[in-house]
Full PDB file with SEQRES, HELIX, SHEET, SSBOND, CRYST1, ORIGX, SCALE, CONECT and MASTER records, all heavy atoms in Angstrom:
SEQRES   1 A   32  LEU GLN ILE GLY SER VAL LEU LEU LEU GLY MET SER GLY          
SEQRES   2 A   32  PHE PHE LEU ALA GLY LEU LEU LEU GLY PHE ALA ILE HIS          
SEQRES   3 A   32  VAL LEU ILE ALA LEU GLU                                      
HELIX    1 AA1 GLN A    2  GLY A   10  1                                   9    
HELIX    2 AA2 PHE A   15  LEU A   31  1                                  17    
CRYST1    1.000    1.000    1.000  90.00  90.00  90.00 P 1           1          
ORIGX1      1.000000  0.000000  0.000000        0.00000                         
ORIGX2      0.000000  1.000000  0.000000        0.00000                         
ORIGX3      0.000000  0.000000  1.000000        0.00000                         
SCALE1      1.000000  0.000000  0.000000        0.00000                         
SCALE2      0.000000  1.000000  0.000000        0.00000                         
SCALE3      0.000000  0.000000  1.000000        0.00000                         
ATOM      1  N   LEU A   1       0.883  -1.238  -0.020  1.00  0.00           N  
ATOM      2  CA  LEU A   1       0.037  -0.018   0.043  1.00  0.00           C  
ATOM      3  C   LEU A   1       0.854   1.352   0.002  1.00  0.00           C  
ATOM      4  O   LEU A   1       0.435   2.174  -0.589  1.00  0.00           O  
ATOM      5  CB  LEU A   1      -0.868  -0.046   1.173  1.00  0.00           C  
ATOM      6  CG  LEU A   1      -2.066  -1.040   1.134  1.00  0.00           C  
ATOM      7  CD1 LEU A   1      -2.868  -0.945   2.433  1.00  0.00           C  
ATOM      8  CD2 LEU A   1      -3.015  -0.661   0.109  1.00  0.00           C  
ATOM      9  N   GLN A   2       1.964   1.243   0.705  1.00  0.00           N  
ATOM     10  CA  GLN A   2       2.889   2.432   0.703  1.00  0.00           C  
ATOM     11  C   GLN A   2       3.609   2.591  -0.673  1.00  0.00           C  
ATOM     12  O   GLN A   2       3.708   3.670  -1.118  1.00  0.00           O  
ATOM     13  CB  GLN A   2       3.914   2.245   1.740  1.00  0.00           C  
ATOM     14  CG  GLN A   2       3.332   2.544   3.175  1.00  0.00           C  
ATOM     15  CD  GLN A   2       4.367   2.403   4.172  1.00  0.00           C  
ATOM     16  OE1 GLN A   2       5.605   1.929   3.985  1.00  0.00           O  
ATOM     17  NE2 GLN A   2       4.149   2.997   5.425  1.00  0.00           N  
ATOM     18  N   ILE A   3       3.889   1.465  -1.380  1.00  0.00           N  
ATOM     19  CA  ILE A   3       4.406   1.628  -2.707  1.00  0.00           C  
ATOM     20  C   ILE A   3       3.408   2.179  -3.708  1.00  0.00           C  
ATOM     21  O   ILE A   3       3.683   3.066  -4.416  1.00  0.00           O  
ATOM     22  CB  ILE A   3       4.882   0.266  -3.211  1.00  0.00           C  
ATOM     23  CG1 ILE A   3       6.139  -0.175  -2.407  1.00  0.00           C  
ATOM     24  CG2 ILE A   3       5.181   0.233  -4.655  1.00  0.00           C  
ATOM     25  CD1 ILE A   3       6.683  -1.561  -2.646  1.00  0.00           C  
ATOM     26  N   GLY A   4       2.057   1.696  -3.390  1.00  0.00           N  
ATOM     27  CA  GLY A   4       0.944   2.268  -4.155  1.00  0.00           C  
ATOM     28  C   GLY A   4       0.750   3.730  -4.043  1.00  0.00           C  
ATOM     29  O   GLY A   4       0.518   4.570  -4.782  1.00  0.00           O  
ATOM     30  N   SER A   5       0.890   4.222  -2.766  1.00  0.00           N  
ATOM     31  CA  SER A   5       0.668   5.580  -2.427  1.00  0.00           C  
ATOM     32  C   SER A   5       1.913   6.441  -3.018  1.00  0.00           C  
ATOM     33  O   SER A   5       1.670   7.492  -3.551  1.00  0.00           O  
ATOM     34  CB  SER A   5       0.595   5.923  -0.967  1.00  0.00           C  
ATOM     35  OG  SER A   5       1.929   5.629  -0.302  1.00  0.00           O  
ATOM     36  N   VAL A   6       3.080   5.893  -3.060  1.00  0.00           N  
ATOM     37  CA  VAL A   6       4.112   6.574  -3.787  1.00  0.00           C  
ATOM     38  C   VAL A   6       3.999   6.650  -5.215  1.00  0.00           C  
ATOM     39  O   VAL A   6       4.183   7.696  -5.862  1.00  0.00           O  
ATOM     40  CB  VAL A   6       5.535   5.973  -3.455  1.00  0.00           C  
ATOM     41  CG1 VAL A   6       6.577   6.473  -4.200  1.00  0.00           C  
ATOM     42  CG2 VAL A   6       5.816   6.006  -1.923  1.00  0.00           C  
ATOM     43  N   LEU A   7       3.361   5.598  -5.836  1.00  0.00           N  
ATOM     44  CA  LEU A   7       2.964   5.667  -7.290  1.00  0.00           C  
ATOM     45  C   LEU A   7       2.026   6.715  -7.516  1.00  0.00           C  
ATOM     46  O   LEU A   7       2.030   7.341  -8.560  1.00  0.00           O  
ATOM     47  CB  LEU A   7       2.658   4.245  -7.747  1.00  0.00           C  
ATOM     48  CG  LEU A   7       3.717   3.187  -7.772  1.00  0.00           C  
ATOM     49  CD1 LEU A   7       3.138   1.853  -8.123  1.00  0.00           C  
ATOM     50  CD2 LEU A   7       4.910   3.678  -8.705  1.00  0.00           C  
ATOM     51  N   LEU A   8       1.064   6.826  -6.674  1.00  0.00           N  
ATOM     52  CA  LEU A   8       0.104   7.799  -6.757  1.00  0.00           C  
ATOM     53  C   LEU A   8       0.505   9.268  -6.744  1.00  0.00           C  
ATOM     54  O   LEU A   8       0.025  10.210  -7.364  1.00  0.00           O  
ATOM     55  CB  LEU A   8      -1.159   7.620  -5.647  1.00  0.00           C  
ATOM     56  CG  LEU A   8      -2.181   6.518  -6.040  1.00  0.00           C  
ATOM     57  CD1 LEU A   8      -3.006   6.414  -4.751  1.00  0.00           C  
ATOM     58  CD2 LEU A   8      -2.845   6.678  -7.291  1.00  0.00           C  
ATOM     59  N   LEU A   9       1.509   9.387  -5.911  1.00  0.00           N  
ATOM     60  CA  LEU A   9       2.200  10.709  -5.718  1.00  0.00           C  
ATOM     61  C   LEU A   9       2.801  11.151  -7.043  1.00  0.00           C  
ATOM     62  O   LEU A   9       2.712  12.372  -7.289  1.00  0.00           O  
ATOM     63  CB  LEU A   9       3.259  10.778  -4.638  1.00  0.00           C  
ATOM     64  CG  LEU A   9       2.768  10.640  -3.241  1.00  0.00           C  
ATOM     65  CD1 LEU A   9       3.959  10.428  -2.257  1.00  0.00           C  
ATOM     66  CD2 LEU A   9       2.062  11.882  -2.782  1.00  0.00           C  
ATOM     67  N   GLY A  10       3.271  10.378  -7.865  1.00  0.00           N  
ATOM     68  CA  GLY A  10       3.828  10.571  -9.103  1.00  0.00           C  
ATOM     69  C   GLY A  10       2.878  10.810 -10.321  1.00  0.00           C  
ATOM     70  O   GLY A  10       3.263  11.339 -11.305  1.00  0.00           O  
ATOM     71  N   MET A  11       1.683  10.424 -10.100  1.00  0.00           N  
ATOM     72  CA  MET A  11       0.713  10.528 -11.185  1.00  0.00           C  
ATOM     73  C   MET A  11       0.037  11.911 -11.136  1.00  0.00           C  
ATOM     74  O   MET A  11      -0.213  12.464  -9.949  1.00  0.00           O  
ATOM     75  CB  MET A  11      -0.403   9.535 -11.074  1.00  0.00           C  
ATOM     76  CG  MET A  11      -0.019   8.151 -11.225  1.00  0.00           C  
ATOM     77  SD  MET A  11      -1.260   6.902 -10.889  1.00  0.00           S  
ATOM     78  CE  MET A  11      -1.457   6.259 -12.452  1.00  0.00           C  
ATOM     79  N   SER A  12      -0.126  12.540 -12.171  1.00  0.00           N  
ATOM     80  CA  SER A  12      -0.719  13.923 -12.183  1.00  0.00           C  
ATOM     81  C   SER A  12      -2.271  13.799 -11.751  1.00  0.00           C  
ATOM     82  O   SER A  12      -2.933  12.824 -12.290  1.00  0.00           O  
ATOM     83  CB  SER A  12      -0.732  14.498 -13.636  1.00  0.00           C  
ATOM     84  OG  SER A  12      -1.421  13.798 -14.569  1.00  0.00           O  
ATOM     85  N   GLY A  13      -2.681  14.578 -10.835  1.00  0.00           N  
ATOM     86  CA  GLY A  13      -3.944  14.673 -10.386  1.00  0.00           C  
ATOM     87  C   GLY A  13      -4.301  13.779  -9.172  1.00  0.00           C  
ATOM     88  O   GLY A  13      -5.308  13.764  -8.707  1.00  0.00           O  
ATOM     89  N   PHE A  14      -3.381  12.842  -8.819  1.00  0.00           N  
ATOM     90  CA  PHE A  14      -3.498  11.989  -7.739  1.00  0.00           C  
ATOM     91  C   PHE A  14      -2.573  12.251  -6.636  1.00  0.00           C  
ATOM     92  O   PHE A  14      -2.392  11.402  -5.792  1.00  0.00           O  
ATOM     93  CB  PHE A  14      -3.414  10.462  -8.300  1.00  0.00           C  
ATOM     94  CG  PHE A  14      -4.478  10.017  -9.149  1.00  0.00           C  
ATOM     95  CD1 PHE A  14      -4.274   9.956 -10.478  1.00  0.00           C  
ATOM     96  CD2 PHE A  14      -5.714   9.705  -8.523  1.00  0.00           C  
ATOM     97  CE1 PHE A  14      -5.386   9.603 -11.276  1.00  0.00           C  
ATOM     98  CE2 PHE A  14      -6.790   9.312  -9.370  1.00  0.00           C  
ATOM     99  CZ  PHE A  14      -6.592   9.157 -10.712  1.00  0.00           C  
ATOM    100  N   PHE A  15      -1.871  13.335  -6.570  1.00  0.00           N  
ATOM    101  CA  PHE A  15      -0.944  13.698  -5.623  1.00  0.00           C  
ATOM    102  C   PHE A  15      -1.602  13.753  -4.158  1.00  0.00           C  
ATOM    103  O   PHE A  15      -0.952  13.098  -3.287  1.00  0.00           O  
ATOM    104  CB  PHE A  15      -0.287  15.049  -5.820  1.00  0.00           C  
ATOM    105  CG  PHE A  15       0.688  15.393  -4.718  1.00  0.00           C  
ATOM    106  CD1 PHE A  15       2.009  14.853  -4.737  1.00  0.00           C  
ATOM    107  CD2 PHE A  15       0.407  16.249  -3.747  1.00  0.00           C  
ATOM    108  CE1 PHE A  15       2.949  15.164  -3.828  1.00  0.00           C  
ATOM    109  CE2 PHE A  15       1.359  16.565  -2.757  1.00  0.00           C  
ATOM    110  CZ  PHE A  15       2.621  16.076  -2.776  1.00  0.00           C  
ATOM    111  N   LEU A  16      -2.798  14.327  -4.073  1.00  0.00           N  
ATOM    112  CA  LEU A  16      -3.378  14.459  -2.819  1.00  0.00           C  
ATOM    113  C   LEU A  16      -3.874  12.913  -2.294  1.00  0.00           C  
ATOM    114  O   LEU A  16      -3.796  12.687  -1.137  1.00  0.00           O  
ATOM    115  CB  LEU A  16      -4.467  15.255  -2.793  1.00  0.00           C  
ATOM    116  CG  LEU A  16      -5.322  15.572  -1.408  1.00  0.00           C  
ATOM    117  CD1 LEU A  16      -4.348  16.193  -0.361  1.00  0.00           C  
ATOM    118  CD2 LEU A  16      -6.515  16.454  -1.734  1.00  0.00           C  
ATOM    119  N   ALA A  17      -4.329  12.238  -3.196  1.00  0.00           N  
ATOM    120  CA  ALA A  17      -4.867  10.809  -2.839  1.00  0.00           C  
ATOM    121  C   ALA A  17      -3.713   9.991  -2.435  1.00  0.00           C  
ATOM    122  O   ALA A  17      -3.819   9.212  -1.414  1.00  0.00           O  
ATOM    123  CB  ALA A  17      -5.432  10.197  -4.142  1.00  0.00           C  
ATOM    124  N   GLY A  18      -2.529  10.139  -3.055  1.00  0.00           N  
ATOM    125  CA  GLY A  18      -1.217   9.312  -2.629  1.00  0.00           C  
ATOM    126  C   GLY A  18      -0.844   9.830  -1.320  1.00  0.00           C  
ATOM    127  O   GLY A  18      -0.372   8.984  -0.449  1.00  0.00           O  
ATOM    128  N   LEU A  19      -0.926  11.120  -1.098  1.00  0.00           N  
ATOM    129  CA  LEU A  19      -0.410  11.549   0.291  1.00  0.00           C  
ATOM    130  C   LEU A  19      -1.350  11.247   1.404  1.00  0.00           C  
ATOM    131  O   LEU A  19      -0.848  10.670   2.478  1.00  0.00           O  
ATOM    132  CB  LEU A  19      -0.427  13.152   0.229  1.00  0.00           C  
ATOM    133  CG  LEU A  19       0.234  13.835   1.363  1.00  0.00           C  
ATOM    134  CD1 LEU A  19       1.701  13.594   1.416  1.00  0.00           C  
ATOM    135  CD2 LEU A  19      -0.064  15.403   1.202  1.00  0.00           C  
ATOM    136  N   LEU A  20      -2.702  11.278   1.092  1.00  0.00           N  
ATOM    137  CA  LEU A  20      -3.601  10.867   2.140  1.00  0.00           C  
ATOM    138  C   LEU A  20      -3.570   9.310   2.346  1.00  0.00           C  
ATOM    139  O   LEU A  20      -3.670   8.864   3.526  1.00  0.00           O  
ATOM    140  CB  LEU A  20      -5.046  11.319   1.829  1.00  0.00           C  
ATOM    141  CG  LEU A  20      -5.292  12.751   1.847  1.00  0.00           C  
ATOM    142  CD1 LEU A  20      -6.653  13.006   1.329  1.00  0.00           C  
ATOM    143  CD2 LEU A  20      -5.107  13.309   3.267  1.00  0.00           C  
ATOM    144  N   LEU A  21      -3.390   8.468   1.338  1.00  0.00           N  
ATOM    145  CA  LEU A  21      -3.284   6.976   1.577  1.00  0.00           C  
ATOM    146  C   LEU A  21      -2.001   6.785   2.355  1.00  0.00           C  
ATOM    147  O   LEU A  21      -2.145   5.892   3.366  1.00  0.00           O  
ATOM    148  CB  LEU A  21      -3.174   6.349   0.148  1.00  0.00           C  
ATOM    149  CG  LEU A  21      -3.086   4.932   0.280  1.00  0.00           C  
ATOM    150  CD1 LEU A  21      -4.204   4.113   0.904  1.00  0.00           C  
ATOM    151  CD2 LEU A  21      -2.833   4.312  -1.162  1.00  0.00           C  
ATOM    152  N   GLY A  22      -0.900   7.299   2.092  1.00  0.00           N  
ATOM    153  CA  GLY A  22       0.357   6.971   2.809  1.00  0.00           C  
ATOM    154  C   GLY A  22       0.138   7.448   4.265  1.00  0.00           C  
ATOM    155  O   GLY A  22       0.544   6.798   5.080  1.00  0.00           O  
ATOM    156  N   PHE A  23      -0.454   8.710   4.521  1.00  0.00           N  
ATOM    157  CA  PHE A  23      -0.592   9.140   5.863  1.00  0.00           C  
ATOM    158  C   PHE A  23      -1.640   8.233   6.617  1.00  0.00           C  
ATOM    159  O   PHE A  23      -1.412   7.871   7.788  1.00  0.00           O  
ATOM    160  CB  PHE A  23      -1.121  10.581   5.771  1.00  0.00           C  
ATOM    161  CG  PHE A  23      -1.353  11.163   7.172  1.00  0.00           C  
ATOM    162  CD1 PHE A  23      -0.270  11.601   7.982  1.00  0.00           C  
ATOM    163  CD2 PHE A  23      -2.596  11.433   7.658  1.00  0.00           C  
ATOM    164  CE1 PHE A  23      -0.478  12.061   9.194  1.00  0.00           C  
ATOM    165  CE2 PHE A  23      -2.749  12.003   8.958  1.00  0.00           C  
ATOM    166  CZ  PHE A  23      -1.721  12.259   9.680  1.00  0.00           C  
ATOM    167  N   ALA A  24      -2.597   7.787   5.946  1.00  0.00           N  
ATOM    168  CA  ALA A  24      -3.729   6.972   6.593  1.00  0.00           C  
ATOM    169  C   ALA A  24      -3.151   5.610   7.136  1.00  0.00           C  
ATOM    170  O   ALA A  24      -3.431   5.153   8.094  1.00  0.00           O  
ATOM    171  CB  ALA A  24      -4.820   6.708   5.648  1.00  0.00           C  
ATOM    172  N   ILE A  25      -2.199   5.089   6.185  1.00  0.00           N  
ATOM    173  CA  ILE A  25      -1.584   3.801   6.551  1.00  0.00           C  
ATOM    174  C   ILE A  25      -0.836   4.012   7.756  1.00  0.00           C  
ATOM    175  O   ILE A  25      -0.855   3.123   8.706  1.00  0.00           O  
ATOM    176  CB  ILE A  25      -0.733   3.317   5.306  1.00  0.00           C  
ATOM    177  CG1 ILE A  25      -1.657   2.937   4.119  1.00  0.00           C  
ATOM    178  CG2 ILE A  25       0.107   2.080   5.793  1.00  0.00           C  
ATOM    179  CD1 ILE A  25      -0.902   2.733   2.931  1.00  0.00           C  
ATOM    180  N   HIS A  26       0.165   4.933   7.783  1.00  0.00           N  
ATOM    181  CA  HIS A  26       0.931   5.200   8.974  1.00  0.00           C  
ATOM    182  C   HIS A  26       0.118   5.500  10.321  1.00  0.00           C  
ATOM    183  O   HIS A  26       0.398   4.885  11.334  1.00  0.00           O  
ATOM    184  CB  HIS A  26       1.875   6.382   8.746  1.00  0.00           C  
ATOM    185  CG  HIS A  26       3.056   6.108   7.887  1.00  0.00           C  
ATOM    186  ND1 HIS A  26       4.245   5.573   8.264  1.00  0.00           N  
ATOM    187  CD2 HIS A  26       3.084   5.932   6.482  1.00  0.00           C  
ATOM    188  CE1 HIS A  26       5.005   5.298   7.302  1.00  0.00           C  
ATOM    189  NE2 HIS A  26       4.303   5.549   6.135  1.00  0.00           N  
ATOM    190  N   VAL A  27      -0.821   6.317  10.230  1.00  0.00           N  
ATOM    191  CA  VAL A  27      -1.712   6.566  11.317  1.00  0.00           C  
ATOM    192  C   VAL A  27      -2.488   5.327  11.847  1.00  0.00           C  
ATOM    193  O   VAL A  27      -2.533   4.928  12.977  1.00  0.00           O  
ATOM    194  CB  VAL A  27      -2.653   7.682  11.093  1.00  0.00           C  
ATOM    195  CG1 VAL A  27      -3.655   7.869  12.177  1.00  0.00           C  
ATOM    196  CG2 VAL A  27      -1.898   8.977  10.858  1.00  0.00           C  
ATOM    197  N   LEU A  28      -2.952   4.503  10.853  1.00  0.00           N  
ATOM    198  CA  LEU A  28      -3.749   3.319  11.312  1.00  0.00           C  
ATOM    199  C   LEU A  28      -2.821   2.243  12.020  1.00  0.00           C  
ATOM    200  O   LEU A  28      -3.162   1.772  13.040  1.00  0.00           O  
ATOM    201  CB  LEU A  28      -4.330   2.686  10.102  1.00  0.00           C  
ATOM    202  CG  LEU A  28      -5.114   1.297  10.271  1.00  0.00           C  
ATOM    203  CD1 LEU A  28      -6.439   1.633  11.077  1.00  0.00           C  
ATOM    204  CD2 LEU A  28      -5.477   0.706   9.023  1.00  0.00           C  
ATOM    205  N   ILE A  29      -1.610   2.118  11.467  1.00  0.00           N  
ATOM    206  CA  ILE A  29      -0.744   1.196  12.088  1.00  0.00           C  
ATOM    207  C   ILE A  29      -0.227   1.673  13.381  1.00  0.00           C  
ATOM    208  O   ILE A  29      -0.129   0.928  14.416  1.00  0.00           O  
ATOM    209  CB  ILE A  29       0.445   0.905  11.142  1.00  0.00           C  
ATOM    210  CG1 ILE A  29      -0.026   0.181   9.973  1.00  0.00           C  
ATOM    211  CG2 ILE A  29       1.629   0.014  11.887  1.00  0.00           C  
ATOM    212  CD1 ILE A  29       0.883  -0.061   8.789  1.00  0.00           C  
ATOM    213  N   ALA A  30      -0.008   3.104  13.529  1.00  0.00           N  
ATOM    214  CA  ALA A  30       0.407   3.621  14.824  1.00  0.00           C  
ATOM    215  C   ALA A  30      -0.659   3.429  15.904  1.00  0.00           C  
ATOM    216  O   ALA A  30      -0.350   3.205  17.070  1.00  0.00           O  
ATOM    217  CB  ALA A  30       0.710   5.113  14.675  1.00  0.00           C  
ATOM    218  N   LEU A  31      -1.900   3.656  15.512  1.00  0.00           N  
ATOM    219  CA  LEU A  31      -3.034   3.504  16.442  1.00  0.00           C  
ATOM    220  C   LEU A  31      -3.408   2.030  16.822  1.00  0.00           C  
ATOM    221  O   LEU A  31      -3.654   1.736  18.009  1.00  0.00           O  
ATOM    222  CB  LEU A  31      -4.234   4.177  15.915  1.00  0.00           C  
ATOM    223  CG  LEU A  31      -4.226   5.711  15.922  1.00  0.00           C  
ATOM    224  CD1 LEU A  31      -5.378   6.252  15.225  1.00  0.00           C  
ATOM    225  CD2 LEU A  31      -4.069   6.268  17.363  1.00  0.00           C  
ATOM    226  N   GLU A  32      -3.427   1.110  15.809  1.00  0.00           N  
ATOM    227  CA  GLU A  32      -3.819  -0.307  16.008  1.00  0.00           C  
ATOM    228  C   GLU A  32      -2.810  -1.280  15.933  1.00  0.00           C  
ATOM    229  O   GLU A  32      -3.061  -2.535  16.095  1.00  0.00           O  
ATOM    230  CB  GLU A  32      -4.942  -0.581  14.965  1.00  0.00           C  
ATOM    231  CG  GLU A  32      -6.309   0.209  15.198  1.00  0.00           C  
ATOM    232  CD  GLU A  32      -6.976  -0.024  16.469  1.00  0.00           C  
ATOM    233  OE1 GLU A  32      -6.851  -1.215  16.913  1.00  0.00           O  
ATOM    234  OE2 GLU A  32      -7.515   0.812  17.064  1.00  0.00           O  
TER     235      GLU A  32                                                      
MASTER        0    0    0    2    0    0    0    6  234    1    0    3          
END                                                                             
C-alpha cells in the first residue's frame, strides 16, 4: 500500500490521494 501511495504521488492529479493514503496507513498502524 505504501508503494501504491508513492506511485499515486507521481501521477498527475492523484498527488493528494497518494499523500492521504500514505498518511492513513501510517496513522492506522500507529493506532492499532
